[in-house]
Amino acid sequence: MKDLAPLIDHTLLREDATEQDVARTAEEALRHGFAGVCVRPAWIPRVAAALRGTAVLPVAVVDFPRGRGSTQERVDEARRVVAEGAREVDVVFPLDRLSQRDLRGALADLQAIVRVSEPATVKVILETGALTEPDKAVAAAIAAAAGAAFVKTSTGFGPGGATEADVALLRQVVGASVGVKASGGIRTKADALRMVRAGANRLGTSAGVAIVTADAG
């Protein structure tokens, strides 16, 4: 827990982000040794170029932030970002299928995205703030069964962000073989440590620099 940097996806998902913002975010990730740089699809070529030859991963969100595209649209977007350099894909859970109790459809959707994203790994964003406790568990189990490498709490654009209780629940559901990414509202080192203690092994935050430099100076 002393070194949080390798757990952090340095995140820039503002719709008004500029090329200068993207370049700065990539440079900060390289300087601090973050796990990845998470951006919207339009910026993946720029981020992939900036991170090429390093250990920092270009990460793209897909069907973000609502998770309401058709499976074909979601598959096409995942295929495109991987072709443009994404090494991880953070896709929003097909929330309409969950609300309609089309659980087989949700599983098939995510399986298709996992397949088309290879060799990139997939994280599934559950938007836990919009779900009941039972649906959080069901969605996490479906994501794990589909072959996702991680389940992720939130988009940061929905109702609420990561909580310790949600992280602990997701960890309980998916066990040790699937990662848990806490995302949404993580602003301080104390926030980050709480999520790690609850069971997160990846953190999505736009405050990564502040978190890892909290004790400096």
C-alpha atoms as a PDB file:
ATOM      1  CA  MET A   1       0.000   0.000   0.000  1.00  0.00           C
ATOM      2  CA  LYS A   2       2.998   2.297   0.282  1.00  0.00           C
ATOM      3  CA  ASP A   3       3.321   2.530  -3.500  1.00  0.00           C
ATOM      4  CA  LEU A   4      -0.028   3.249  -5.098  1.00  0.00           C
ATOM      5  CA  ALA A   5       1.292   4.430  -8.470  1.00  0.00           C
ATOM      6  CA  PRO A   6       1.364   0.975 -10.151  1.00  0.00           C
ATOM      7  CA  LEU A   7      -2.328   0.547  -9.298  1.00  0.00           C
ATOM      8  CA  ILE A   8      -3.537   3.795 -10.860  1.00  0.00           C
ATOM      9  CA  ASP A   9      -5.186   4.279 -14.243  1.00  0.00           C
ATOM     10  CA  HIS A  10      -4.561   8.001 -14.787  1.00  0.00           C
ATOM     11  CA  THR A  11      -7.900   9.112 -16.172  1.00  0.00           C
ATOM     12  CA  LEU A  12      -8.904  11.882 -18.583  1.00  0.00           C
ATOM     13  CA  LEU A  13     -12.514  11.444 -19.657  1.00  0.00           C
ATOM     14  CA  ARG A  14     -13.758  15.029 -19.885  1.00  0.00           C
ATOM     15  CA  GLU A  15     -15.533  15.659 -23.166  1.00  0.00           C
ATOM     16  CA  ASP A  16     -13.734  18.996 -23.493  1.00  0.00           C
ATOM     17  CA  ALA A  17     -10.232  17.511 -23.102  1.00  0.00           C
ATOM     18  CA  THR A  18      -7.673  18.980 -25.485  1.00  0.00           C
ATOM     19  CA  GLU A  19      -4.616  17.494 -27.134  1.00  0.00           C
ATOM     20  CA  GLN A  20      -2.505  19.413 -24.623  1.00  0.00           C
ATOM     21  CA  ASP A  21      -4.465  17.826 -21.767  1.00  0.00           C
ATOM     22  CA  VAL A  22      -3.937  14.366 -23.245  1.00  0.00           C
ATOM     23  CA  ALA A  23      -0.204  14.918 -23.724  1.00  0.00           C
ATOM     24  CA  ARG A  24       0.145  16.150 -20.142  1.00  0.00           C
ATOM     25  CA  THR A  25      -1.792  13.180 -18.764  1.00  0.00           C
ATOM     26  CA  ALA A  26       0.427  10.719 -20.644  1.00  0.00           C
ATOM     27  CA  GLU A  27       3.573  12.505 -19.473  1.00  0.00           C
ATOM     28  CA  GLU A  28       2.385  12.415 -15.857  1.00  0.00           C
ATOM     29  CA  ALA A  29       1.652   8.702 -16.111  1.00  0.00           C
ATOM     30  CA  LEU A  30       5.140   8.020 -17.423  1.00  0.00           C
ATOM     31  CA  ARG A  31       6.782  10.206 -14.786  1.00  0.00           C
ATOM     32  CA  HIS A  32       4.982   8.572 -11.881  1.00  0.00           C
ATOM     33  CA  GLY A  33       4.831   4.994 -13.159  1.00  0.00           C
ATOM     34  CA  PHE A  34       1.067   4.642 -13.313  1.00  0.00           C
ATOM     35  CA  ALA A  35      -0.552   1.462 -14.606  1.00  0.00           C
ATOM     36  CA  GLY A  36      -2.346   3.108 -17.507  1.00  0.00           C
ATOM     37  CA  VAL A  37      -3.844   6.184 -19.121  1.00  0.00           C
ATOM     38  CA  CYS A  38      -7.612   5.925 -19.566  1.00  0.00           C
ATOM     39  CA  VAL A  39      -9.191   8.122 -22.256  1.00  0.00           C
ATOM     40  CA  ARG A  40     -12.132   8.325 -24.650  1.00  0.00           C
ATOM     41  CA  PRO A  41     -11.730   6.478 -27.964  1.00  0.00           C
ATOM     42  CA  ALA A  42     -10.839   9.567 -30.007  1.00  0.00           C
ATOM     43  CA  TRP A  43      -7.617  10.017 -28.015  1.00  0.00           C
ATOM     44  CA  ILE A  44      -6.353   6.428 -28.108  1.00  0.00           C
ATOM     45  CA  PRO A  45      -4.044   6.891 -31.137  1.00  0.00           C
ATOM     46  CA  ARG A  46      -2.415   9.888 -29.444  1.00  0.00           C
ATOM     47  CA  VAL A  47      -2.023   8.102 -26.110  1.00  0.00           C
ATOM     48  CA  ALA A  48      -0.775   4.874 -27.679  1.00  0.00           C
ATOM     49  CA  ALA A  49       1.907   6.806 -29.538  1.00  0.00           C
ATOM     50  CA  ALA A  50       2.980   8.634 -26.381  1.00  0.00           C
ATOM     51  CA  LEU A  51       3.218   5.400 -24.365  1.00  0.00           C
ATOM     52  CA  ARG A  52       4.725   3.145 -27.039  1.00  0.00           C
ATOM     53  CA  GLY A  53       7.660   1.101 -25.737  1.00  0.00           C
ATOM     54  CA  THR A  54       6.800   1.734 -22.073  1.00  0.00           C
ATOM     55  CA  ALA A  55       5.054  -0.290 -19.385  1.00  0.00           C
ATOM     56  CA  VAL A  56       2.178   2.206 -19.108  1.00  0.00           C
ATOM     57  CA  LEU A  57      -0.967   0.882 -20.796  1.00  0.00           C
ATOM     58  CA  PRO A  58      -3.237   2.843 -23.164  1.00  0.00           C
ATOM     59  CA  VAL A  59      -6.793   2.258 -21.903  1.00  0.00           C
ATOM     60  CA  ALA A  60      -9.957   3.131 -23.865  1.00  0.00           C
ATOM     61  CA  VAL A  61     -13.523   3.372 -22.633  1.00  0.00           C
ATOM     62  CA  VAL A  62     -16.223   1.813 -24.822  1.00  0.00           C
ATOM     63  CA  ASP A  63     -19.957   2.609 -25.018  1.00  0.00           C
ATOM     64  CA  PHE A  64     -19.226   5.248 -22.423  1.00  0.00           C
ATOM     65  CA  PRO A  65     -20.787   6.401 -20.189  1.00  0.00           C
ATOM     66  CA  ARG A  66     -24.313   5.022 -20.676  1.00  0.00           C
ATOM     67  CA  GLY A  67     -23.766   1.429 -21.812  1.00  0.00           C
ATOM     68  CA  ARG A  68     -26.785   1.443 -24.104  1.00  0.00           C
ATOM     69  CA  GLY A  69     -25.333   0.715 -27.536  1.00  0.00           C
ATOM     70  CA  SER A  70     -26.224  -2.397 -29.485  1.00  0.00           C
ATOM     71  CA  THR A  71     -23.868  -5.334 -29.219  1.00  0.00           C
ATOM     72  CA  GLN A  72     -22.702  -4.701 -32.778  1.00  0.00           C
ATOM     73  CA  GLU A  73     -21.942  -1.053 -32.003  1.00  0.00           C
ATOM     74  CA  ARG A  74     -20.064  -2.007 -28.867  1.00  0.00           C
ATOM     75  CA  VAL A  75     -18.092  -4.739 -30.645  1.00  0.00           C
ATOM     76  CA  ASP A  76     -17.200  -2.386 -33.490  1.00  0.00           C
ATOM     77  CA  GLU A  77     -15.981   0.285 -31.075  1.00  0.00           C
ATOM     78  CA  ALA A  78     -13.927  -2.218 -29.080  1.00  0.00           C
ATOM     79  CA  ARG A  79     -12.357  -3.590 -32.262  1.00  0.00           C
ATOM     80  CA  ARG A  80     -11.497  -0.082 -33.410  1.00  0.00           C
ATOM     81  CA  VAL A  81      -9.815   1.080 -30.207  1.00  0.00           C
ATOM     82  CA  VAL A  82      -7.719  -2.080 -30.013  1.00  0.00           C
ATOM     83  CA  ALA A  83      -6.643  -1.602 -33.638  1.00  0.00           C
ATOM     84  CA  GLU A  84      -5.657   1.960 -32.731  1.00  0.00           C
ATOM     85  CA  GLY A  85      -3.481   0.871 -29.821  1.00  0.00           C
ATOM     86  CA  ALA A  86      -5.614   0.256 -26.736  1.00  0.00           C
ATOM     87  CA  ARG A  87      -4.200  -2.505 -24.568  1.00  0.00           C
ATOM     88  CA  GLU A  88      -7.093  -2.449 -22.135  1.00  0.00           C
ATOM     89  CA  VAL A  89     -10.785  -1.819 -22.857  1.00  0.00           C
ATOM     90  CA  ASP A  90     -13.117  -0.448 -20.159  1.00  0.00           C
ATOM     91  CA  VAL A  91     -16.642  -1.187 -21.409  1.00  0.00           C
ATOM     92  CA  VAL A  92     -19.856  -0.235 -19.650  1.00  0.00           C
ATOM     93  CA  PHE A  93     -22.044  -3.199 -18.690  1.00  0.00           C
ATOM     94  CA  PRO A  94     -25.094  -3.523 -20.997  1.00  0.00           C
ATOM     95  CA  LEU A  95     -27.352  -1.977 -18.372  1.00  0.00           C
ATOM     96  CA  ASP A  96     -30.581  -2.161 -20.373  1.00  0.00           C
ATOM     97  CA  ARG A  97     -30.212  -5.929 -20.660  1.00  0.00           C
ATOM     98  CA  LEU A  98     -29.740  -6.146 -16.902  1.00  0.00           C
ATOM     99  CA  SER A  99     -32.854  -4.072 -16.191  1.00  0.00           C
ATOM    100  CA  GLN A 100     -34.823  -6.237 -18.630  1.00  0.00           C
ATOM    101  CA  ARG A 101     -33.444  -9.390 -16.928  1.00  0.00           C
ATOM    102  CA  ASP A 102     -31.920 -10.506 -20.214  1.00  0.00           C
ATOM    103  CA  LEU A 103     -28.958 -12.035 -18.425  1.00  0.00           C
ATOM    104  CA  ARG A 104     -28.052 -14.438 -21.222  1.00  0.00           C
ATOM    105  CA  GLY A 105     -28.028 -11.499 -23.622  1.00  0.00           C
ATOM    106  CA  ALA A 106     -25.777  -9.519 -21.289  1.00  0.00           C
ATOM    107  CA  LEU A 107     -23.383 -12.474 -21.057  1.00  0.00           C
ATOM    108  CA  ALA A 108     -23.297 -12.964 -24.825  1.00  0.00           C
ATOM    109  CA  ASP A 109     -22.696  -9.224 -25.358  1.00  0.00           C
ATOM    110  CA  LEU A 110     -19.721  -9.158 -23.018  1.00  0.00           C
ATOM    111  CA  GLN A 111     -18.303 -12.407 -24.372  1.00  0.00           C
ATOM    112  CA  ALA A 112     -18.335 -10.894 -27.860  1.00  0.00           C
ATOM    113  CA  ILE A 113     -16.484  -7.817 -26.632  1.00  0.00           C
ATOM    114  CA  VAL A 114     -13.897  -9.899 -24.791  1.00  0.00           C
ATOM    115  CA  ARG A 115     -13.274 -11.961 -27.943  1.00  0.00           C
ATOM    116  CA  VAL A 116     -12.930  -9.031 -30.301  1.00  0.00           C
ATOM    117  CA  SER A 117     -10.689  -7.127 -27.875  1.00  0.00           C
ATOM    118  CA  GLU A 118      -7.961  -9.785 -27.767  1.00  0.00           C
ATOM    119  CA  PRO A 119      -5.083  -9.428 -27.064  1.00  0.00           C
ATOM    120  CA  ALA A 120      -6.266  -6.424 -25.022  1.00  0.00           C
ATOM    121  CA  THR A 121      -7.904  -7.219 -21.699  1.00  0.00           C
ATOM    122  CA  VAL A 122     -11.383  -6.048 -20.758  1.00  0.00           C
ATOM    123  CA  LYS A 123     -12.687  -4.307 -17.657  1.00  0.00           C
ATOM    124  CA  VAL A 124     -16.465  -4.150 -17.254  1.00  0.00           C
ATOM    125  CA  ILE A 125     -17.889  -0.983 -15.668  1.00  0.00           C
ATOM    126  CA  LEU A 126     -20.935  -1.884 -13.588  1.00  0.00           C
ATOM    127  CA  GLU A 127     -22.096   1.637 -12.566  1.00  0.00           C
ATOM    128  CA  THR A 128     -22.733   0.354  -9.060  1.00  0.00           C
ATOM    129  CA  GLY A 129     -24.415   3.578  -7.916  1.00  0.00           C
ATOM    130  CA  ALA A 130     -27.318   2.812 -10.260  1.00  0.00           C
ATOM    131  CA  LEU A 131     -27.782  -0.820  -9.159  1.00  0.00           C
ATOM    132  CA  THR A 132     -29.372  -2.665  -6.281  1.00  0.00           C
ATOM    133  CA  GLU A 133     -27.157  -4.862  -4.131  1.00  0.00           C
ATOM    134  CA  PRO A 134     -28.399  -8.078  -5.811  1.00  0.00           C
ATOM    135  CA  ASP A 135     -27.880  -6.583  -9.290  1.00  0.00           C
ATOM    136  CA  LYS A 136     -24.331  -5.542  -8.425  1.00  0.00           C
ATOM    137  CA  ALA A 137     -23.563  -9.154  -7.574  1.00  0.00           C
ATOM    138  CA  VAL A 138     -25.337 -10.510 -10.661  1.00  0.00           C
ATOM    139  CA  ALA A 139     -23.572  -8.065 -12.992  1.00  0.00           C
ATOM    140  CA  ALA A 140     -20.163  -8.847 -11.483  1.00  0.00           C
ATOM    141  CA  ALA A 141     -20.761 -12.580 -11.863  1.00  0.00           C
ATOM    142  CA  ILE A 142     -21.815 -12.160 -15.500  1.00  0.00           C
ATOM    143  CA  ALA A 143     -18.752 -10.042 -16.274  1.00  0.00           C
ATOM    144  CA  ALA A 144     -16.457 -12.617 -14.714  1.00  0.00           C
ATOM    145  CA  ALA A 145     -18.179 -15.464 -16.576  1.00  0.00           C
ATOM    146  CA  ALA A 146     -17.740 -13.544 -19.848  1.00  0.00           C
ATOM    147  CA  GLY A 147     -13.974 -13.510 -19.376  1.00  0.00           C
ATOM    148  CA  ALA A 148     -13.453  -9.958 -18.153  1.00  0.00           C
ATOM    149  CA  ALA A 149     -10.116  -9.334 -16.499  1.00  0.00           C
ATOM    150  CA  PHE A 150     -11.622  -6.780 -14.102  1.00  0.00           C
ATOM    151  CA  VAL A 151     -14.951  -5.547 -12.832  1.00  0.00           C
ATOM    152  CA  LYS A 152     -15.053  -1.800 -12.263  1.00  0.00           C
ATOM    153  CA  THR A 153     -17.341   0.178  -9.986  1.00  0.00           C
ATOM    154  CA  SER A 154     -18.279   3.352 -11.826  1.00  0.00           C
ATOM    155  CA  THR A 155     -17.957   5.596 -14.862  1.00  0.00           C
ATOM    156  CA  GLY A 156     -17.589   8.741 -12.760  1.00  0.00           C
ATOM    157  CA  PHE A 157     -20.512  10.173 -14.745  1.00  0.00           C
ATOM    158  CA  GLY A 158     -23.315   8.270 -13.021  1.00  0.00           C
ATOM    159  CA  PRO A 159     -25.079   8.355  -9.655  1.00  0.00           C
ATOM    160  CA  GLY A 160     -22.288   7.967  -7.143  1.00  0.00           C
ATOM    161  CA  GLY A 161     -18.766   6.623  -7.319  1.00  0.00           C
ATOM    162  CA  ALA A 162     -16.700   3.913  -5.689  1.00  0.00           C
ATOM    163  CA  THR A 163     -17.474   2.872  -2.122  1.00  0.00           C
ATOM    164  CA  GLU A 164     -15.643   0.495   0.160  1.00  0.00           C
ATOM    165  CA  ALA A 165     -18.790  -1.617   0.483  1.00  0.00           C
ATOM    166  CA  ASP A 166     -19.142  -1.996  -3.273  1.00  0.00           C
ATOM    167  CA  VAL A 167     -15.480  -2.870  -3.730  1.00  0.00           C
ATOM    168  CA  ALA A 168     -15.726  -5.486  -0.989  1.00  0.00           C
ATOM    169  CA  LEU A 169     -18.880  -6.937  -2.545  1.00  0.00           C
ATOM    170  CA  LEU A 170     -17.303  -7.161  -6.006  1.00  0.00           C
ATOM    171  CA  ARG A 171     -14.201  -8.805  -4.571  1.00  0.00           C
ATOM    172  CA  GLN A 172     -16.363 -11.339  -2.743  1.00  0.00           C
ATOM    173  CA  VAL A 173     -18.291 -12.156  -5.926  1.00  0.00           C
ATOM    174  CA  VAL A 174     -15.383 -12.486  -8.362  1.00  0.00           C
ATOM    175  CA  GLY A 175     -12.824 -13.995  -5.983  1.00  0.00           C
ATOM    176  CA  ALA A 176      -9.090 -13.714  -6.436  1.00  0.00           C
ATOM    177  CA  SER A 177      -8.920 -14.578 -10.136  1.00  0.00           C
ATOM    178  CA  VAL A 178     -10.595 -11.385 -11.453  1.00  0.00           C
ATOM    179  CA  GLY A 179      -9.444  -7.849 -10.720  1.00  0.00           C
ATOM    180  CA  VAL A 180     -11.517  -5.134  -9.078  1.00  0.00           C
ATOM    181  CA  LYS A 181     -11.088  -1.547 -10.243  1.00  0.00           C
ATOM    182  CA  ALA A 182     -12.417   1.191  -7.973  1.00  0.00           C
ATOM    183  CA  SER A 183     -13.317   4.299  -9.929  1.00  0.00           C
ATOM    184  CA  GLY A 184     -15.341   7.417  -9.287  1.00  0.00           C
ATOM    185  CA  GLY A 185     -14.693   9.971  -6.558  1.00  0.00           C
ATOM    186  CA  ILE A 186     -11.210   8.806  -5.558  1.00  0.00           C
ATOM    187  CA  ARG A 187      -9.477  12.112  -4.873  1.00  0.00           C
ATOM    188  CA  THR A 188      -7.013  11.573  -2.012  1.00  0.00           C
ATOM    189  CA  LYS A 189      -4.448   9.087  -0.797  1.00  0.00           C
ATOM    190  CA  ALA A 190      -6.800   8.185   2.043  1.00  0.00           C
ATOM    191  CA  ASP A 191      -9.563   7.422  -0.489  1.00  0.00           C
ATOM    192  CA  ALA A 192      -7.184   5.256  -2.495  1.00  0.00           C
ATOM    193  CA  LEU A 193      -5.964   3.300   0.529  1.00  0.00           C
ATOM    194  CA  ARG A 194      -9.518   2.615   1.653  1.00  0.00           C
ATOM    195  CA  MET A 195     -10.330   1.115  -1.734  1.00  0.00           C
ATOM    196  CA  VAL A 196      -7.200  -1.052  -1.735  1.00  0.00           C
ATOM    197  CA  ARG A 197      -7.951  -2.310   1.756  1.00  0.00           C
ATOM    198  CA  ALA A 198     -11.486  -3.166   0.638  1.00  0.00           C
ATOM    199  CA  GLY A 199     -10.137  -5.330  -2.188  1.00  0.00           C
ATOM    200  CA  ALA A 200      -9.350  -3.119  -5.198  1.00  0.00           C
ATOM    201  CA  ASN A 201      -6.215  -3.871  -7.184  1.00  0.00           C
ATOM    202  CA  ARG A 202      -6.678  -1.055  -9.700  1.00  0.00           C
ATOM    203  CA  LEU A 203      -7.780   2.539  -9.147  1.00  0.00           C
ATOM    204  CA  GLY A 204      -9.273   4.842 -11.746  1.00  0.00           C
ATOM    205  CA  THR A 205      -8.789   8.513 -10.919  1.00  0.00           C
ATOM    206  CA  SER A 206      -7.972  11.855 -12.470  1.00  0.00           C
ATOM    207  CA  ALA A 207      -6.239  12.813  -9.208  1.00  0.00           C
ATOM    208  CA  GLY A 208      -3.390  10.333  -9.524  1.00  0.00           C
ATOM    209  CA  VAL A 209      -0.621  12.915  -9.249  1.00  0.00           C
ATOM    210  CA  ALA A 210      -2.092  14.413  -6.085  1.00  0.00           C
ATOM    211  CA  ILE A 211      -2.525  10.959  -4.584  1.00  0.00           C
ATOM    212  CA  VAL A 212       1.043   9.764  -5.157  1.00  0.00           C
ATOM    213  CA  THR A 213       2.636  13.075  -4.150  1.00  0.00           C
ATOM    214  CA  ALA A 214       0.508  13.562  -1.028  1.00  0.00           C
ATOM    215  CA  ASP A 215       3.446  13.047   1.330  1.00  0.00           C
ATOM    216  CA  ALA A 216       6.028  14.921  -0.744  1.00  0.00           C
ATOM    217  CA  GLY A 217       7.526  18.148   0.479  1.00  0.00           C
END
